[in-house]
């Protein structure tokens, strides 16, 4: 198939029977498949994923233009990105795509793995749209946006259009959060952190590192733009889980310094205790703020946020 040209697929299997891989192989249409059958990618894969990606890129006369990792439903994206950190020198563009069931999405939102996948996604693809009523579709869109206002919501009725949109190159950081409560989920909090004054980079790096240490696996996503006192341009800061991308100078328009923090079982008063004490206001509401990224850019392979020294 034309859309799959230049694509390699890595299939992660939980258990000894490679059912997903067999199904994909049956309908692969010439796609290159690499099988991983050593357990859940989130806990047992180790360096195998990075080695597999390296082999796919080096063993072909014409390396694939795109590699799709199909994980199990038990995977969290943060540890997967950490497993790929050794490939940072290749400057791979990485995107997390998750699915949200229009009929049952809200029912499984208490599962930590589901919450981590939705919060860490750059794109949320609504599934089973053909079986959902208009009201269920609207409810699914609202729930998906409340769980991750940073993600692009893909909800085409045509399955092929959804697949093409999910794997298309997308701009980095284009979003306008709703002017309402960011999340009404009992366990997933979406918080807005706004800076009232410019922090020094070392203080910001220490704050982010301590935020990561405080929340651990409860930290699902961080993204925003912060103007720092010792740099000319503001910085684009983002993480999936506790895995931070290298901060990048941000050249787009911005109205204020802010971060969106998505976390599980966390509240604003807990975030307020992160040190060093910085001039921030933390809320669970978004009013009159927006974020516009530069077109044609993508997230690069994640690396650990450097500590302040």
Protein backbone atom coordinates (compact mmCIF):
# COMPACT_ATOMS: atom_id res chain seq x y z
CA UNK A 1 0.00 0.00 0.00
CA UNK A 2 1.25 3.44 -0.93
CA UNK A 3 0.76 5.03 2.50
CA UNK A 4 2.97 2.37 4.10
CA UNK A 5 5.92 2.82 1.76
CA UNK A 6 9.14 3.26 3.71
CA UNK A 7 7.54 2.15 6.99
CA UNK A 8 8.93 -0.45 9.39
CA UNK A 9 6.77 -1.88 12.20
CA UNK A 10 8.05 -3.08 15.58
CA UNK A 11 5.52 -5.35 17.29
CA UNK A 12 5.71 -5.76 21.04
CA UNK A 13 4.11 -8.93 22.37
CA UNK A 14 3.09 -9.73 25.94
CA UNK A 15 3.39 -13.49 26.28
CA UNK A 16 4.81 -16.20 24.09
CA UNK A 17 2.12 -16.30 21.40
CA UNK A 18 2.73 -13.56 18.83
CA UNK A 19 -0.92 -12.98 17.93
CA UNK A 20 -0.61 -9.26 17.09
CA UNK A 21 2.46 -9.93 15.00
CA UNK A 22 0.74 -12.73 13.12
CA UNK A 23 -2.24 -10.50 12.32
CA UNK A 24 0.00 -7.69 11.14
CA UNK A 25 2.14 -10.04 9.06
CA UNK A 26 -0.96 -11.35 7.32
CA UNK A 27 -1.96 -7.87 6.14
CA UNK A 28 1.45 -6.18 6.08
CA UNK A 29 1.52 -5.62 2.35
CA UNK A 30 5.30 -5.58 2.17
CA UNK A 31 5.97 -3.69 5.42
CA UNK A 32 9.08 -4.70 7.34
CA UNK A 33 8.21 -6.26 10.69
CA UNK A 34 10.46 -6.70 13.73
CA UNK A 35 9.15 -8.89 16.55
CA UNK A 36 9.80 -8.28 20.24
CA UNK A 37 8.57 -11.20 22.35
CA UNK A 38 10.30 -10.66 25.68
CA UNK A 39 7.48 -9.13 27.68
CA UNK A 40 5.93 -5.73 28.23
CA UNK A 41 7.88 -2.93 26.62
CA UNK A 42 7.38 -0.75 29.69
CA UNK A 43 9.21 -2.99 32.12
CA UNK A 44 11.21 -5.79 30.48
CA UNK A 45 12.49 -4.46 27.21
CA UNK A 46 15.67 -2.77 28.41
CA UNK A 47 17.97 -1.88 25.53
CA UNK A 48 16.29 -4.31 23.11
CA UNK A 49 14.08 -1.58 21.63
CA UNK A 50 16.99 0.76 20.91
CA UNK A 51 18.96 -2.16 19.43
CA UNK A 52 16.02 -3.11 17.23
CA UNK A 53 15.62 0.44 15.95
CA UNK A 54 19.36 0.63 15.32
CA UNK A 55 19.27 -2.62 13.34
CA UNK A 56 16.34 -1.45 11.26
CA UNK A 57 18.17 1.73 10.35
CA UNK A 58 21.51 0.07 9.60
CA UNK A 59 20.56 -3.25 8.03
CA UNK A 60 18.68 -1.88 5.04
CA UNK A 61 20.16 -0.44 1.86
CA UNK A 62 17.35 2.10 2.06
CA UNK A 63 16.53 2.84 5.74
CA UNK A 64 12.85 3.23 6.61
CA UNK A 65 11.47 6.75 6.63
CA UNK A 66 9.14 5.87 9.49
CA UNK A 67 9.23 3.31 12.29
CA UNK A 68 5.98 2.42 14.06
CA UNK A 69 6.23 0.79 17.49
CA UNK A 70 3.01 -1.02 18.32
CA UNK A 71 3.07 -1.38 22.10
CA UNK A 72 0.84 -3.43 24.31
CA UNK A 73 -1.98 -1.86 26.27
CA UNK A 74 0.21 -2.29 29.37
CA UNK A 75 2.86 0.19 28.22
CA UNK A 76 3.59 3.68 29.45
CA UNK A 77 5.21 6.06 26.94
CA UNK A 78 7.72 7.64 29.35
CA UNK A 79 9.83 4.50 29.94
CA UNK A 80 9.71 3.71 26.22
CA UNK A 81 11.18 7.12 25.38
CA UNK A 82 13.80 6.60 28.07
CA UNK A 83 14.77 3.34 26.36
CA UNK A 84 15.33 5.29 23.14
CA UNK A 85 17.48 7.98 24.75
CA UNK A 86 20.67 6.23 23.63
CA UNK A 87 19.67 7.03 20.04
CA UNK A 88 19.54 10.80 20.63
CA UNK A 89 22.53 11.26 18.31
CA UNK A 90 20.31 10.17 15.40
CA UNK A 91 17.96 13.11 16.03
CA UNK A 92 14.87 11.03 15.43
CA UNK A 93 11.53 12.76 15.41
CA UNK A 94 9.29 11.02 17.94
CA UNK A 95 5.52 11.21 18.25
CA UNK A 96 3.24 9.39 20.70
CA UNK A 97 -0.14 8.38 19.26
CA UNK A 98 -2.86 6.91 21.50
CA UNK A 99 -6.41 5.75 20.86
CA UNK A 100 -9.52 6.70 22.81
CA UNK A 101 -12.58 4.45 22.55
CA UNK A 102 -15.68 6.58 21.99
CA UNK A 103 -17.84 3.98 23.73
CA UNK A 104 -15.65 2.84 26.61
CA UNK A 105 -12.87 5.39 26.99
CA UNK A 106 -14.20 6.92 30.18
CA UNK A 107 -14.67 3.47 31.73
CA UNK A 108 -10.95 2.61 31.54
CA UNK A 109 -9.60 6.04 32.50
CA UNK A 110 -8.79 4.82 36.01
CA UNK A 111 -6.14 2.46 34.62
CA UNK A 112 -2.74 4.08 35.13
CA UNK A 113 -1.40 2.84 31.80
CA UNK A 114 -4.35 4.29 29.89
CA UNK A 115 -4.00 7.65 31.64
CA UNK A 116 -0.25 7.74 30.92
CA UNK A 117 -0.81 6.95 27.23
CA UNK A 118 -3.49 9.60 26.78
CA UNK A 119 -1.60 12.28 28.68
CA UNK A 120 1.66 11.59 26.85
CA UNK A 121 0.16 11.62 23.36
CA UNK A 122 0.72 14.27 20.73
CA UNK A 123 -2.33 12.84 18.92
CA UNK A 124 -5.43 11.17 20.35
CA UNK A 125 -7.35 9.10 17.80
CA UNK A 126 -11.00 8.46 18.59
CA UNK A 127 -12.01 4.90 17.68
CA UNK A 128 -15.33 3.13 17.09
CA UNK A 129 -16.72 6.39 15.75
CA UNK A 130 -19.00 4.43 13.42
CA UNK A 131 -20.77 2.87 16.42
CA UNK A 132 -21.13 6.02 18.51
CA UNK A 133 -24.09 8.39 18.44
CA UNK A 134 -23.50 12.09 17.94
CA UNK A 135 -23.90 12.72 21.67
CA UNK A 136 -21.41 9.96 22.53
CA UNK A 137 -18.94 11.42 20.02
CA UNK A 138 -19.24 14.87 21.55
CA UNK A 139 -18.81 13.44 25.04
CA UNK A 140 -15.73 11.47 23.92
CA UNK A 141 -14.17 14.60 22.38
CA UNK A 142 -14.80 16.58 25.55
CA UNK A 143 -13.35 13.85 27.77
CA UNK A 144 -10.27 13.43 25.58
CA UNK A 145 -9.63 17.19 25.55
CA UNK A 146 -10.04 17.44 29.30
CA UNK A 147 -7.53 14.63 29.89
CA UNK A 148 -4.97 16.09 27.48
CA UNK A 149 -5.62 19.62 26.15
CA UNK A 150 -2.20 19.50 24.49
CA UNK A 151 -3.07 16.70 22.07
CA UNK A 152 -4.50 16.93 18.57
CA UNK A 153 -7.88 15.18 18.56
CA UNK A 154 -8.40 13.03 15.44
CA UNK A 155 -11.99 11.96 14.97
CA UNK A 156 -12.57 11.25 11.29
CA UNK A 157 -15.35 8.81 10.50
CA UNK A 158 -13.15 7.35 7.75
CA UNK A 159 -10.60 5.01 9.32
CA UNK A 160 -8.03 5.57 6.58
CA UNK A 161 -8.18 9.33 7.07
CA UNK A 162 -7.64 8.88 10.80
CA UNK A 163 -4.56 6.70 10.22
CA UNK A 164 -3.06 9.18 7.78
CA UNK A 165 -3.68 12.07 10.17
CA UNK A 166 -2.26 10.15 13.13
CA UNK A 167 1.08 9.54 11.44
CA UNK A 168 1.38 12.85 9.60
CA UNK A 169 4.13 15.29 10.58
CA UNK A 170 2.67 17.85 12.94
CA UNK A 171 3.70 21.24 14.22
CA UNK A 172 5.28 21.38 17.67
CA UNK A 173 3.13 23.00 20.29
CA UNK A 174 0.01 24.33 18.58
CA UNK A 175 -2.81 24.37 21.11
CA UNK A 176 -5.43 26.63 22.61
CA UNK A 177 -6.77 25.14 25.86
CA UNK A 178 -10.48 25.62 26.61
CA UNK A 179 -11.58 28.45 28.86
CA UNK A 180 -13.00 26.09 31.44
CA UNK A 181 -11.90 23.62 34.07
CA UNK A 182 -9.10 21.69 32.45
CA UNK A 183 -9.99 18.29 33.85
CA UNK A 184 -12.88 16.97 35.87
CA UNK A 185 -11.37 13.51 36.25
CA UNK A 186 -11.14 12.43 39.92
CA UNK A 187 -7.50 11.27 39.59
CA UNK A 188 -5.99 13.12 36.61
CA UNK A 189 -5.20 16.79 37.20
CA UNK A 190 -4.35 19.26 34.44
CA UNK A 191 -2.69 22.28 36.04
CA UNK A 192 -1.58 25.62 34.62
CA UNK A 193 1.66 27.01 36.07
CA UNK A 194 2.22 30.67 35.20
CA UNK A 195 5.37 32.66 35.91
CA UNK A 196 4.94 36.17 37.28
CA UNK A 197 8.64 36.98 36.79
CA UNK A 198 11.48 35.47 34.77
CA UNK A 199 13.42 32.78 36.64
CA UNK A 200 17.08 32.05 36.00
CA UNK A 201 17.67 28.93 33.90
CA UNK A 202 19.42 27.09 36.73
CA UNK A 203 16.45 27.74 39.05
CA UNK A 204 13.97 26.59 36.40
CA UNK A 205 15.99 23.42 35.69
CA UNK A 206 16.17 22.65 39.43
CA UNK A 207 12.42 23.26 39.80
CA UNK A 208 11.61 20.90 36.94
CA UNK A 209 14.00 18.27 38.26
CA UNK A 210 12.42 18.48 41.72
CA UNK A 211 8.92 18.35 40.22
CA UNK A 212 9.91 15.15 38.45
CA UNK A 213 11.41 13.72 41.63
CA UNK A 214 8.38 14.65 43.73
CA UNK A 215 5.75 13.14 41.43
CA UNK A 216 7.73 10.27 39.91
CA UNK A 217 5.41 8.02 37.90
CA UNK A 218 2.49 10.30 38.72
CA UNK A 219 3.93 12.94 36.38
CA UNK A 220 2.35 12.28 32.98
CA UNK A 221 3.15 15.32 30.85
CA UNK A 222 4.71 18.79 30.99
CA UNK A 223 4.64 21.32 28.18
CA UNK A 224 4.90 25.08 27.86
CA UNK A 225 7.05 28.13 27.18
CA UNK A 226 9.05 29.89 29.88
CA UNK A 227 10.98 33.14 29.51
CA UNK A 228 14.20 32.98 31.55
CA UNK A 229 16.25 35.91 32.77
CA UNK A 230 19.61 34.79 31.40
CA UNK A 231 18.56 33.93 27.82
CA UNK A 232 17.30 36.11 25.01
CA UNK A 233 14.61 33.72 23.76
CA UNK A 234 12.04 31.89 25.86
CA UNK A 235 12.39 28.12 26.11
CA UNK A 236 10.03 25.41 24.96
CA UNK A 237 9.94 22.88 27.80
CA UNK A 238 8.24 19.51 27.57
CA UNK A 239 8.27 16.00 28.94
CA UNK A 240 6.43 12.72 28.61
CA UNK A 241 6.40 11.22 32.06
CA UNK A 242 9.69 12.16 33.71
CA UNK A 243 11.54 12.09 30.38
CA UNK A 244 12.29 15.67 29.35
CA UNK A 245 13.21 16.78 25.86
CA UNK A 246 16.19 19.08 25.60
CA UNK A 247 14.78 22.62 26.05
CA UNK A 248 14.56 24.48 22.74
CA UNK A 249 14.55 28.23 22.00
CA UNK A 250 10.98 29.22 21.14
CA UNK A 251 10.52 31.63 18.25
CA UNK A 252 6.73 31.80 18.08
CA UNK A 253 4.41 34.40 19.59
CA UNK A 254 3.71 34.12 23.29
CA UNK A 255 1.54 36.05 25.70
CA UNK A 256 2.99 34.79 28.98
CA UNK A 257 5.34 32.23 30.51
CA UNK A 258 3.47 29.08 31.46
CA UNK A 259 3.60 25.31 31.73
CA UNK A 260 0.80 22.77 31.53
CA UNK A 261 1.37 19.94 34.01
CA UNK A 262 -0.69 16.75 33.71
CA UNK A 263 -0.36 14.47 36.71
CA UNK A 264 -2.15 11.62 38.43
CA UNK A 265 -3.25 11.89 42.07
CA UNK A 266 -1.70 15.34 42.49
CA UNK A 267 -3.05 18.75 43.46
CA UNK A 268 -1.99 22.38 43.15
CA UNK A 269 -0.93 22.65 46.81
CA UNK A 270 1.51 19.75 46.33
CA UNK A 271 3.04 21.38 43.22
CA UNK A 272 3.30 24.66 45.12
CA UNK A 273 5.72 23.04 47.57
CA UNK A 274 8.31 22.27 44.86
CA UNK A 275 11.60 24.05 45.47
CA UNK A 276 13.25 26.39 44.75
CA UNK A 277 10.42 28.80 45.43
CA UNK A 278 9.70 30.58 42.17
CA UNK A 279 7.22 33.37 41.34
CA UNK A 280 4.47 31.11 39.98
CA UNK A 281 0.70 30.89 40.19
CA UNK A 282 -0.78 27.39 39.88
CA UNK A 283 -4.40 26.76 38.96
CA UNK A 284 -6.68 24.16 37.40
CA UNK A 285 -8.42 26.71 35.18
CA UNK A 286 -7.32 28.28 31.90
CA UNK A 287 -8.43 31.81 31.07
CA UNK A 288 -7.21 34.00 28.24
CA UNK A 289 -4.04 32.12 27.40
CA UNK A 290 -2.84 30.40 24.26
CA UNK A 291 0.25 28.81 22.75
CA UNK A 292 1.27 28.89 19.09
CA UNK A 293 4.18 26.81 17.88
CA UNK A 294 6.32 27.16 14.81
CA UNK A 295 4.93 25.27 11.80
CA UNK A 296 6.93 22.45 10.32
CA UNK A 297 8.77 21.43 13.49
CA UNK A 298 8.46 18.23 15.47
CA UNK A 299 9.47 16.84 18.83
CA UNK A 300 12.96 15.38 18.83
CA UNK A 301 14.05 12.25 20.62
CA UNK A 302 13.72 12.91 24.32
CA UNK A 303 16.67 13.36 26.65
CA UNK A 304 16.87 13.88 30.38
CA UNK A 305 16.37 17.43 31.66
CA UNK A 306 19.84 18.61 32.76
CA UNK A 307 20.28 19.36 36.40
CA UNK A 308 21.28 22.82 37.51
CA UNK A 309 24.89 23.05 38.64
